[in-house]
C-alpha atoms as a PDB file:
ATOM      1  CA  GLN A   1      17.415  -0.082 -23.831  1.00  0.00           C
ATOM      2  CA  GLU A   2      18.145   0.509 -20.385  1.00  0.00           C
ATOM      3  CA  GLN A   3      15.371   1.297 -18.088  1.00  0.00           C
ATOM      4  CA  LEU A   4      14.910   1.675 -14.321  1.00  0.00           C
ATOM      5  CA  VAL A   5      11.442   2.104 -13.072  1.00  0.00           C
ATOM      6  CA  GLU A   6      10.346   3.259  -9.631  1.00  0.00           C
ATOM      7  CA  SER A   7       7.269   2.395  -8.124  1.00  0.00           C
ATOM      8  CA  GLY A   8       5.538   2.690  -4.371  1.00  0.00           C
ATOM      9  CA  GLY A   9       5.780   6.323  -3.749  1.00  0.00           C
ATOM     10  CA  GLY A  10       3.206   8.611  -2.350  1.00  0.00           C
ATOM     11  CA  LEU A  11       1.805  10.208   0.554  1.00  0.00           C
ATOM     12  CA  VAL A  12       1.937   9.409   4.215  1.00  0.00           C
ATOM     13  CA  GLN A  13       2.091  10.798   7.560  1.00  0.00           C
ATOM     14  CA  ALA A  14       4.967  11.203   9.652  1.00  0.00           C
ATOM     15  CA  GLY A  15       5.924   7.976  11.855  1.00  0.00           C
ATOM     16  CA  GLY A  16       4.499   5.791   8.866  1.00  0.00           C
ATOM     17  CA  SER A  17       6.249   3.858   6.159  1.00  0.00           C
ATOM     18  CA  LEU A  18       6.514   3.264   2.464  1.00  0.00           C
ATOM     19  CA  ARG A  19       8.232   0.641   0.289  1.00  0.00           C
ATOM     20  CA  LEU A  20      10.062   1.696  -3.052  1.00  0.00           C
ATOM     21  CA  SER A  21      10.350  -0.681  -5.801  1.00  0.00           C
ATOM     22  CA  CYS A  22      12.891  -0.451  -8.606  1.00  0.00           C
ATOM     23  CA  ALA A  23      12.377  -2.938 -12.095  1.00  0.00           C
ATOM     24  CA  ALA A  24      15.482  -2.836 -13.897  1.00  0.00           C
ATOM     25  CA  SER A  25      15.517  -4.111 -17.426  1.00  0.00           C
ATOM     26  CA  GLY A  26      18.042  -4.101 -20.365  1.00  0.00           C
ATOM     27  CA  ILE A  27      21.057  -4.304 -17.950  1.00  0.00           C
ATOM     28  CA  MET A  28      22.888  -7.465 -16.936  1.00  0.00           C
ATOM     29  CA  PHE A  29      21.198  -6.955 -13.240  1.00  0.00           C
ATOM     30  CA  SER A  30      24.320  -8.967 -11.366  1.00  0.00           C
ATOM     31  CA  ALA A  31      26.929  -6.615 -12.840  1.00  0.00           C
ATOM     32  CA  PHE A  32      25.602  -3.299 -11.380  1.00  0.00           C
ATOM     33  CA  VAL A  33      25.952  -1.977  -8.132  1.00  0.00           C
ATOM     34  CA  MET A  34      21.842  -0.388  -7.411  1.00  0.00           C
ATOM     35  CA  GLY A  35      20.955   2.140  -5.652  1.00  0.00           C
ATOM     36  CA  TRP A  36      18.739   5.240  -4.334  1.00  0.00           C
ATOM     37  CA  TYR A  37      19.321   8.704  -4.312  1.00  0.00           C
ATOM     38  CA  ARG A  38      16.838  11.336  -3.318  1.00  0.00           C
ATOM     39  CA  GLN A  39      16.518  15.303  -4.443  1.00  0.00           C
ATOM     40  CA  ALA A  40      14.499  17.327  -1.719  1.00  0.00           C
ATOM     41  CA  PRO A  41      13.059  20.999  -3.378  1.00  0.00           C
ATOM     42  CA  GLY A  42      15.929  23.429  -3.552  1.00  0.00           C
ATOM     43  CA  LYS A  43      18.586  20.896  -2.577  1.00  0.00           C
ATOM     44  CA  GLN A  44      21.265  18.681  -4.056  1.00  0.00           C
ATOM     45  CA  ARG A  45      20.704  15.162  -5.032  1.00  0.00           C
ATOM     46  CA  GLU A  46      22.112  12.938  -2.036  1.00  0.00           C
ATOM     47  CA  LEU A  47      22.771   9.326  -1.728  1.00  0.00           C
ATOM     48  CA  VAL A  48      20.543   7.221   0.419  1.00  0.00           C
ATOM     49  CA  ALA A  49      21.721   3.822   0.116  1.00  0.00           C
ATOM     50  CA  THR A  50      23.699   1.383  -2.598  1.00  0.00           C
ATOM     51  CA  ILE A  51      23.687  -2.308  -2.472  1.00  0.00           C
ATOM     52  CA  SER A  52      26.161  -4.561  -4.400  1.00  0.00           C
ATOM     53  CA  SER A  53      25.394  -7.536  -6.367  1.00  0.00           C
ATOM     54  CA  GLY A  54      27.203  -9.817  -3.733  1.00  0.00           C
ATOM     55  CA  GLY A  55      25.031  -7.819  -0.827  1.00  0.00           C
ATOM     56  CA  SER A  56      27.609  -5.362   0.563  1.00  0.00           C
ATOM     57  CA  ILE A  57      25.255  -2.012   1.627  1.00  0.00           C
ATOM     58  CA  ASN A  58      26.490   1.555   2.185  1.00  0.00           C
ATOM     59  CA  TYR A  59      24.187   3.952   3.785  1.00  0.00           C
ATOM     60  CA  ALA A  60      24.042   7.788   3.917  1.00  0.00           C
ATOM     61  CA  ASP A  61      24.304   8.954   7.693  1.00  0.00           C
ATOM     62  CA  PHE A  62      20.362   9.533   7.935  1.00  0.00           C
ATOM     63  CA  ALA A  63      19.475   6.016   6.898  1.00  0.00           C
ATOM     64  CA  PRO A  64      20.662   3.212   9.269  1.00  0.00           C
ATOM     65  CA  GLY A  65      17.673   2.093  11.778  1.00  0.00           C
ATOM     66  CA  ARG A  66      14.930   3.564   9.327  1.00  0.00           C
ATOM     67  CA  PHE A  67      15.879   2.621   5.990  1.00  0.00           C
ATOM     68  CA  THR A  68      16.557  -0.518   4.454  1.00  0.00           C
ATOM     69  CA  ILE A  69      17.806  -1.563   0.915  1.00  0.00           C
ATOM     70  CA  SER A  70      17.534  -4.902  -0.461  1.00  0.00           C
ATOM     71  CA  ARG A  71      17.779  -6.362  -4.152  1.00  0.00           C
ATOM     72  CA  ASP A  72      16.698  -9.454  -5.739  1.00  0.00           C
ATOM     73  CA  ASN A  73      19.070 -10.629  -8.186  1.00  0.00           C
ATOM     74  CA  ALA A  74      16.820 -12.960  -9.930  1.00  0.00           C
ATOM     75  CA  LYS A  75      13.934 -10.510 -10.560  1.00  0.00           C
ATOM     76  CA  SER A  76      16.147  -7.849 -11.084  1.00  0.00           C
ATOM     77  CA  THR A  77      14.785  -5.598  -8.649  1.00  0.00           C
ATOM     78  CA  VAL A  78      15.956  -3.264  -5.671  1.00  0.00           C
ATOM     79  CA  ALA A  79      13.795  -2.014  -2.839  1.00  0.00           C
ATOM     80  CA  LEU A  80      14.001   0.825  -0.470  1.00  0.00           C
ATOM     81  CA  GLN A  81      11.846   0.155   2.909  1.00  0.00           C
ATOM     82  CA  MET A  82      11.426   3.341   4.823  1.00  0.00           C
ATOM     83  CA  ASN A  83       9.932   3.181   8.194  1.00  0.00           C
ATOM     84  CA  SER A  84       9.352   6.096  10.717  1.00  0.00           C
ATOM     85  CA  LEU A  85       9.048   8.830   8.336  1.00  0.00           C
ATOM     86  CA  LYS A  86       9.785  12.198   8.891  1.00  0.00           C
ATOM     87  CA  PRO A  87       8.632  15.447   6.859  1.00  0.00           C
ATOM     88  CA  GLU A  88      12.499  15.963   5.857  1.00  0.00           C
ATOM     89  CA  ASP A  89      12.349  12.755   4.086  1.00  0.00           C
ATOM     90  CA  THR A  90      10.065  14.376   1.857  1.00  0.00           C
ATOM     91  CA  ALA A  91      11.850  14.088  -1.656  1.00  0.00           C
ATOM     92  CA  VAL A  92      12.076  12.836  -5.432  1.00  0.00           C
ATOM     93  CA  TYR A  93      13.886   9.554  -4.663  1.00  0.00           C
ATOM     94  CA  TYR A  94      15.431   7.896  -7.759  1.00  0.00           C
ATOM     95  CA  CYS A  95      16.681   4.810  -8.558  1.00  0.00           C
ATOM     96  CA  TYR A  96      20.368   4.393  -9.777  1.00  0.00           C
ATOM     97  CA  ALA A  97      22.480   1.653 -11.101  1.00  0.00           C
ATOM     98  CA  ARG A  98      26.146   1.654 -11.656  1.00  0.00           C
ATOM     99  CA  HIS A  99      28.202  -1.138 -13.459  1.00  0.00           C
ATOM    100  CA  TRP A 100      30.533  -2.419 -11.019  1.00  0.00           C
ATOM    101  CA  ARG A 101      33.713  -1.873 -13.108  1.00  0.00           C
ATOM    102  CA  LEU A 102      32.540   0.000 -16.163  1.00  0.00           C
ATOM    103  CA  SER A 103      31.349   3.857 -16.276  1.00  0.00           C
ATOM    104  CA  ASN A 104      27.833   2.761 -17.318  1.00  0.00           C
ATOM    105  CA  THR A 105      25.565   4.461 -14.938  1.00  0.00           C
ATOM    106  CA  TYR A 106      21.947   4.742 -15.425  1.00  0.00           C
ATOM    107  CA  TRP A 107      19.076   6.303 -13.404  1.00  0.00           C
ATOM    108  CA  GLY A 108      15.201   6.054 -13.260  1.00  0.00           C
ATOM    109  CA  GLN A 109      12.868   8.831 -13.541  1.00  0.00           C
ATOM    110  CA  GLY A 110      12.086   9.594 -10.345  1.00  0.00           C
ATOM    111  CA  ILE A 111       9.448   8.807  -7.854  1.00  0.00           C
ATOM    112  CA  GLN A 112       7.871  11.399  -5.356  1.00  0.00           C
ATOM    113  CA  VAL A 113       7.700  10.536  -1.459  1.00  0.00           C
ATOM    114  CA  THR A 114       6.035  13.250   0.583  1.00  0.00           C
ATOM    115  CA  VAL A 115       5.916  13.171   4.517  1.00  0.00           C
ATOM    116  CA  SER A 116       3.078  15.049   6.080  1.00  0.00           C
ATOM    117  CA  SER A 117       3.457  16.183   9.558  1.00  0.00           C
END
């Protein structure tokens, strides 16, 4: 069964850092584009970053310089390092997997990140 499990969220003060991790199981990890989305209260879910199996990365406009996405194909994990966090980064962060060619898409259950001012 396909599963994405996030970890590493929590409460942090503005200017602090968090590292989110997502462990994938039940999928051929190397065939999937992995990524992170987030959804703040009252807002639509939005892209944070994606990374292909070969390492091609796409960031949302707010991410470069503060957020770094990485993946470990051997361990079937994807991480999001978040630095210089701001209160507006407060959201539920979702791990995402999309097959590079097929329509298969999977989501994690989401993990809360709260940045206090």
